[in-house]
Amino acid sequence: MNSNPTLEEVTHEWKVEPEQTGERIDKFVVEQIDEAGISRTQVQEWIKAGAVQVNGSIVKANYKTVEDDVVVLTIPEAESMDIVAEDIPLTVMYEDSDVIVINKSRGMVVHPAPGHSSGTVVNALMHHCKDLSGINGMLRPGIVHRIDKDTTGLLMAAKNDLAHVSLAEQLKEHSVTRKYIALVHGNVPHDHGTIDAPIGRDTNDRKLFTVTGHNSKVAVTHFVVLERLGDFTLMELQLETGRTHQIRVHMKYIGHPLAGDPVYGVNKTVALKGQALHAALLGFTHPRTGERLNFEVPIPDDMEHVLNSLRLR
């Protein structure tokens, strides 16, 4: 099945805070979009196309922000992106007419992007479900939240707009339970705790995120130590917020980066193709019935193999 319709426009709106006054509008917009992969060049192209307005007027990229400016970005309709339904195996944990929950494998991207239009969870869902919510447009049908390409585990998707609105609101209200199992470098000294550190884009590399007080968003991660394994620690991490790369950034920030993390990690190898991070538990309220649903899946075989090797040392 080929889909190449006109995609829905997506609109973002922000108000300029006092500490953001005087920034170039292109820089401001890039810093507000809490998503990896949106470059300043891309934003500048949107500005040239008139997709960015300040207080109702189109501006140029060198416009300097003023306190209380209302900035609106209307991301133009995507062009020439074929989203193909692909018969890719999915491990389905739950499915009804409203929602589907899958156990995502390592190496699988959640949704298509320019230059990466196939082999994703969305491609697989389009083949498996036929019906997915359209709120996020055709590039991300059904996608309510994401986990990184090399993170394994539980992911929910909406099969209609009613379910999408409900699940998105639950995420916003922090009523969705999301617990991860992670293997990190070093011996974490505290048995439990909370990392409350705001996350924003890394000014040295716009594709990355970091703990910063500059143009950042609140990010909170709770942790419990499950097992200490020499130079490594096995942890359970619960997200209160869901920023891009949140767990990976927070663990690096406290000096215990994820084992195998090719971006935020250290040069010590483990037998994994990607970070040792697994979305083990997911709980939410069913958008139609009101029933509380909870799902749990064990860590993948490759991560279990690494743990067993460490236990034998």
Protein backbone atom coordinates (compact mmCIF):
# COMPACT_ATOMS: atom_id res chain seq x y z
CA MET A 1 0.00 0.00 0.00
CA ASN A 2 1.42 3.39 -1.01
CA SER A 3 0.40 6.63 0.69
CA ASN A 4 1.40 10.00 -0.64
CA PRO A 5 -1.40 12.40 0.27
CA THR A 6 -1.05 16.00 1.31
CA LEU A 7 0.11 15.96 4.91
CA GLU A 8 -1.56 18.01 7.60
CA GLU A 9 0.25 21.13 8.73
CA VAL A 10 1.57 21.11 12.30
CA THR A 11 1.52 24.34 14.30
CA HIS A 12 3.67 25.29 17.30
CA GLU A 13 3.24 28.43 19.38
CA TRP A 14 5.62 29.90 21.97
CA LYS A 15 5.84 33.06 24.06
CA VAL A 16 9.25 34.72 24.43
CA GLU A 17 10.39 34.78 28.04
CA PRO A 18 12.58 37.59 29.47
CA GLU A 19 15.76 35.48 29.33
CA GLN A 20 15.13 34.73 25.64
CA THR A 21 14.97 38.37 24.59
CA GLY A 22 17.37 39.45 21.84
CA GLU A 23 17.85 36.03 20.21
CA ARG A 24 17.73 35.58 16.45
CA ILE A 25 14.37 34.09 15.58
CA ASP A 26 15.91 31.11 13.75
CA LYS A 27 17.97 30.20 16.82
CA PHE A 28 14.95 30.68 19.09
CA VAL A 29 12.76 28.35 17.03
CA VAL A 30 15.40 25.61 16.86
CA GLU A 31 15.78 25.70 20.63
CA GLN A 32 12.04 25.42 21.21
CA ILE A 33 11.54 22.30 19.11
CA ASP A 34 12.20 19.46 21.53
CA GLU A 35 13.12 16.96 18.85
CA ALA A 36 16.40 15.80 17.39
CA GLY A 37 16.97 16.22 13.68
CA ILE A 38 15.51 19.71 13.12
CA SER A 39 18.45 21.84 12.00
CA ARG A 40 18.85 25.59 11.97
CA THR A 41 19.10 25.41 8.17
CA GLN A 42 15.70 23.71 8.05
CA VAL A 43 14.21 26.41 10.26
CA GLN A 44 15.71 29.13 8.07
CA GLU A 45 14.04 27.53 5.03
CA TRP A 46 10.72 27.58 6.86
CA ILE A 47 11.24 31.25 7.71
CA LYS A 48 11.94 32.08 4.05
CA ALA A 49 8.72 30.29 3.14
CA GLY A 50 6.77 32.47 5.59
CA ALA A 51 6.10 29.60 8.00
CA VAL A 52 7.25 31.59 11.04
CA GLN A 53 5.25 34.56 12.30
CA VAL A 54 5.88 36.87 15.24
CA ASN A 55 2.80 38.61 16.63
CA GLY A 56 0.97 37.74 13.43
CA SER A 57 3.62 39.05 11.01
CA ILE A 58 6.11 37.19 8.83
CA VAL A 59 9.72 37.89 9.83
CA LYS A 60 13.22 37.29 8.50
CA ALA A 61 15.76 34.94 10.06
CA ASN A 62 17.72 37.80 11.63
CA TYR A 63 14.73 39.17 13.54
CA LYS A 64 15.60 39.62 17.24
CA THR A 65 13.06 38.44 19.78
CA VAL A 66 11.36 40.77 22.24
CA GLU A 67 9.87 39.78 25.58
CA ASP A 68 6.25 38.55 25.26
CA ASP A 69 6.54 38.05 21.49
CA VAL A 70 4.17 35.32 20.34
CA VAL A 71 6.01 33.11 17.88
CA VAL A 72 4.03 30.73 15.68
CA LEU A 73 5.65 28.08 13.50
CA THR A 74 3.44 26.34 10.96
CA ILE A 75 5.46 23.45 9.62
CA PRO A 76 4.65 23.25 5.90
CA GLU A 77 2.99 20.22 4.43
CA ALA A 78 5.52 17.51 3.74
CA GLU A 79 6.31 16.81 0.13
CA SER A 80 7.20 13.71 -1.88
CA MET A 81 7.39 11.31 1.05
CA ASP A 82 6.02 7.86 0.30
CA ILE A 83 5.03 5.94 3.40
CA VAL A 84 4.78 2.31 2.42
CA ALA A 85 2.97 -0.32 4.44
CA GLU A 86 5.56 -3.06 5.00
CA ASP A 87 5.09 -6.61 6.22
CA ILE A 88 7.58 -6.29 9.07
CA PRO A 89 7.09 -8.65 12.03
CA LEU A 90 5.77 -6.97 15.18
CA THR A 91 5.60 -8.41 18.69
CA VAL A 92 2.11 -7.32 19.70
CA MET A 93 1.43 -7.32 23.46
CA TYR A 94 -2.10 -5.94 23.24
CA GLU A 95 -4.49 -4.74 20.56
CA ASP A 96 -8.09 -3.62 20.27
CA SER A 97 -9.98 -1.16 18.08
CA ASP A 98 -8.46 1.84 19.87
CA VAL A 99 -4.86 1.08 20.85
CA ILE A 100 -2.01 -1.27 20.12
CA VAL A 101 1.00 -2.00 22.34
CA ILE A 102 4.13 -3.57 20.87
CA ASN A 103 7.50 -4.75 22.16
CA LYS A 104 9.92 -2.91 19.87
CA SER A 105 13.13 -4.62 18.84
CA ARG A 106 16.58 -3.03 18.85
CA GLY A 107 17.56 -1.13 15.72
CA MET A 108 14.03 -0.23 14.66
CA VAL A 109 13.23 3.45 14.12
CA VAL A 110 9.77 4.48 15.32
CA HIS A 111 8.66 6.76 12.48
CA PRO A 112 9.85 7.72 8.98
CA ALA A 113 11.89 10.83 8.33
CA PRO A 114 13.42 12.31 5.18
CA GLY A 115 16.11 9.89 4.05
CA HIS A 116 14.71 7.11 6.20
CA SER A 117 11.26 6.25 4.86
CA SER A 118 11.12 2.48 5.33
CA GLY A 119 11.67 -0.25 7.90
CA THR A 120 10.11 1.76 10.74
CA VAL A 121 7.46 0.95 13.32
CA VAL A 122 5.03 3.15 11.38
CA ASN A 123 5.64 1.17 8.17
CA ALA A 124 4.95 -2.04 10.09
CA LEU A 125 1.86 -0.65 11.84
CA MET A 126 0.38 0.54 8.55
CA HIS A 127 0.51 -3.03 7.26
CA HIS A 128 -0.65 -4.62 10.50
CA CYS A 129 -3.44 -2.24 11.57
CA LYS A 130 -4.72 -0.47 8.46
CA ASP A 131 -6.38 2.06 10.81
CA LEU A 132 -4.22 4.56 12.74
CA SER A 133 -4.91 8.02 14.14
CA GLY A 134 -4.16 10.93 11.81
CA ILE A 135 -3.44 13.68 14.32
CA ASN A 136 0.32 13.66 13.70
CA GLY A 137 -0.07 13.54 9.90
CA MET A 138 0.99 10.79 7.55
CA LEU A 139 4.62 10.69 8.65
CA ARG A 140 3.68 9.66 12.18
CA PRO A 141 0.23 8.05 12.09
CA GLY A 142 -0.72 6.65 15.48
CA ILE A 143 2.50 7.70 17.18
CA VAL A 144 1.85 9.15 20.63
CA HIS A 145 5.34 8.75 22.13
CA ARG A 146 8.66 7.37 20.97
CA ILE A 147 11.63 5.36 22.13
CA ASP A 148 15.03 5.62 20.48
CA LYS A 149 16.11 3.37 17.62
CA ASP A 150 18.34 1.15 19.77
CA THR A 151 16.12 1.20 22.86
CA THR A 152 13.98 -1.91 23.15
CA GLY A 153 10.62 -2.46 24.75
CA LEU A 154 7.06 -1.24 25.09
CA LEU A 155 5.52 1.33 22.80
CA MET A 156 1.84 2.27 22.47
CA ALA A 157 0.11 3.66 19.39
CA ALA A 158 -3.36 5.06 18.77
CA LYS A 159 -5.68 3.57 16.16
CA ASN A 160 -8.04 6.55 16.04
CA ASP A 161 -8.08 10.22 17.00
CA LEU A 162 -10.14 9.70 20.16
CA ALA A 163 -7.50 7.34 21.51
CA HIS A 164 -4.68 9.63 20.38
CA VAL A 165 -6.07 12.66 22.23
CA SER A 166 -6.62 10.63 25.41
CA LEU A 167 -3.15 9.03 25.43
CA ALA A 168 -1.43 12.32 24.61
CA GLU A 169 -3.26 14.02 27.48
CA GLN A 170 -2.24 11.23 29.87
CA LEU A 171 1.38 11.71 28.85
CA LYS A 172 1.06 15.46 29.40
CA GLU A 173 -0.44 14.90 32.86
CA HIS A 174 2.29 12.36 33.74
CA SER A 175 -0.31 9.66 34.45
CA VAL A 176 1.30 7.16 32.07
CA THR A 177 3.64 4.77 33.90
CA ARG A 178 6.93 4.25 32.05
CA LYS A 179 9.67 2.21 33.68
CA TYR A 180 12.96 1.29 32.04
CA ILE A 181 15.73 -1.15 32.85
CA ALA A 182 19.21 0.23 32.17
CA LEU A 183 22.78 -0.93 32.59
CA VAL A 184 25.08 1.97 33.37
CA HIS A 185 28.80 2.45 33.84
CA GLY A 186 30.19 2.70 37.35
CA ASN A 187 28.90 1.87 40.81
CA VAL A 188 25.92 4.10 41.59
CA PRO A 189 26.30 4.89 45.32
CA HIS A 190 22.65 5.63 46.15
CA ASP A 191 20.04 2.86 46.24
CA HIS A 192 17.36 5.22 44.95
CA GLY A 193 16.87 8.85 44.07
CA THR A 194 15.55 11.45 41.66
CA ILE A 195 17.36 13.34 38.91
CA ASP A 196 15.66 16.71 38.48
CA ALA A 197 17.71 18.50 35.83
CA PRO A 198 16.34 20.53 32.87
CA ILE A 199 17.21 19.40 29.36
CA GLY A 200 17.75 21.50 26.24
CA ARG A 201 19.69 21.37 23.02
CA ASP A 202 23.47 21.18 23.22
CA THR A 203 24.76 24.50 21.87
CA ASN A 204 27.91 22.74 20.62
CA ASP A 205 25.96 20.13 18.64
CA ARG A 206 22.34 20.86 17.70
CA LYS A 207 21.57 17.17 17.16
CA LEU A 208 22.27 16.39 20.83
CA PHE A 209 20.66 17.31 24.12
CA THR A 210 22.21 18.18 27.46
CA VAL A 211 21.41 19.34 30.98
CA THR A 212 21.30 23.13 30.79
CA GLY A 213 19.50 26.11 32.24
CA HIS A 214 19.39 27.83 28.85
CA ASN A 215 16.18 27.40 26.86
CA SER A 216 15.54 24.08 28.57
CA LYS A 217 12.52 22.13 29.74
CA VAL A 218 11.85 20.44 33.06
CA ALA A 219 13.06 16.82 33.08
CA VAL A 220 12.62 14.42 36.00
CA THR A 221 13.80 10.80 36.23
CA HIS A 222 13.39 8.57 39.31
CA PHE A 223 15.76 5.64 39.82
CA VAL A 224 16.21 2.50 41.91
CA VAL A 225 19.38 0.38 41.91
CA LEU A 226 18.54 -3.25 41.14
CA GLU A 227 21.98 -4.83 41.10
CA ARG A 228 25.64 -3.77 41.32
CA LEU A 229 27.89 -5.68 38.93
CA GLY A 230 31.47 -4.58 39.47
CA ASP A 231 32.10 -1.62 37.19
CA PHE A 232 28.43 -1.53 36.16
CA THR A 233 25.06 -0.97 37.85
CA LEU A 234 21.68 -2.33 36.78
CA MET A 235 18.93 0.23 37.42
CA GLU A 236 15.20 0.74 37.13
CA LEU A 237 14.37 4.23 35.86
CA GLN A 238 10.90 5.80 35.87
CA LEU A 239 10.12 8.78 33.67
CA GLU A 240 8.09 11.60 35.15
CA THR A 241 8.64 13.69 32.03
CA GLY A 242 9.51 12.50 28.53
CA ARG A 243 12.15 14.70 26.95
CA THR A 244 14.13 13.56 23.93
CA HIS A 245 17.00 11.29 25.05
CA GLN A 246 16.05 12.05 28.69
CA ILE A 247 17.40 8.92 30.38
CA ARG A 248 20.56 8.91 28.28
CA VAL A 249 21.25 12.58 29.05
CA HIS A 250 20.44 12.29 32.75
CA MET A 251 22.64 9.26 33.29
CA LYS A 252 25.54 10.97 31.56
CA TYR A 253 24.91 14.04 33.72
CA ILE A 254 25.30 12.09 36.99
CA GLY A 255 28.45 10.40 35.72
CA HIS A 256 26.94 7.00 34.94
CA PRO A 257 26.27 6.88 31.19
CA LEU A 258 24.42 3.96 29.66
CA ALA A 259 26.51 0.98 28.64
CA GLY A 260 26.76 0.73 24.87
CA ASP A 261 25.47 4.26 24.24
CA PRO A 262 27.24 5.40 21.05
CA VAL A 263 26.35 9.07 21.57
CA TYR A 264 26.28 9.87 25.27
CA GLY A 265 28.40 6.95 26.48
CA VAL A 266 32.09 6.26 27.11
CA ASN A 267 34.64 4.26 25.17
CA LYS A 268 34.06 0.97 26.93
CA THR A 269 32.47 -1.74 24.85
CA VAL A 270 29.74 -4.20 25.76
CA ALA A 271 28.27 -6.81 23.44
CA LEU A 272 25.35 -4.64 22.38
CA LYS A 273 24.55 -2.75 19.20
CA GLY A 274 23.32 0.34 21.00
CA GLN A 275 22.55 1.48 24.53
CA ALA A 276 21.53 -0.95 27.26
CA LEU A 277 18.09 0.56 27.76
CA HIS A 278 14.81 -1.34 27.79
CA ALA A 279 11.26 0.02 28.20
CA ALA A 280 10.11 -2.73 30.53
CA LEU A 281 6.82 -1.47 31.93
CA LEU A 282 4.04 0.64 30.43
CA GLY A 283 0.77 1.55 32.10
CA PHE A 284 -2.08 3.78 30.96
CA THR A 285 -5.83 4.25 31.21
CA HIS A 286 -7.76 2.86 28.27
CA PRO A 287 -9.13 5.84 26.32
CA ARG A 288 -12.59 4.31 25.83
CA THR A 289 -13.25 1.94 28.74
CA GLY A 290 -11.38 3.77 31.49
CA GLU A 291 -9.71 0.51 32.55
CA ARG A 292 -6.13 0.76 33.79
CA LEU A 293 -3.86 -1.35 31.59
CA ASN A 294 -0.34 -2.40 32.60
CA PHE A 295 2.17 -4.28 30.48
CA GLU A 296 5.60 -5.66 31.30
CA VAL A 297 8.18 -7.37 29.10
CA PRO A 298 11.53 -8.93 30.02
CA ILE A 299 14.82 -7.50 28.82
CA PRO A 300 15.98 -8.69 25.38
CA ASP A 301 18.33 -11.66 24.97
CA ASP A 302 21.39 -9.56 24.06
CA MET A 303 21.07 -7.47 27.22
CA GLU A 304 20.46 -10.59 29.32
CA HIS A 305 23.62 -12.12 27.87
CA VAL A 306 25.66 -9.06 28.90
CA LEU A 307 24.25 -9.21 32.44
CA ASN A 308 25.01 -12.91 32.78
CA SER A 309 28.59 -12.31 31.60
CA LEU A 310 29.04 -9.59 34.23
CA ARG A 311 27.62 -11.84 36.96
CA LEU A 312 30.17 -14.53 36.11
CA ARG A 313 33.13 -12.19 36.55
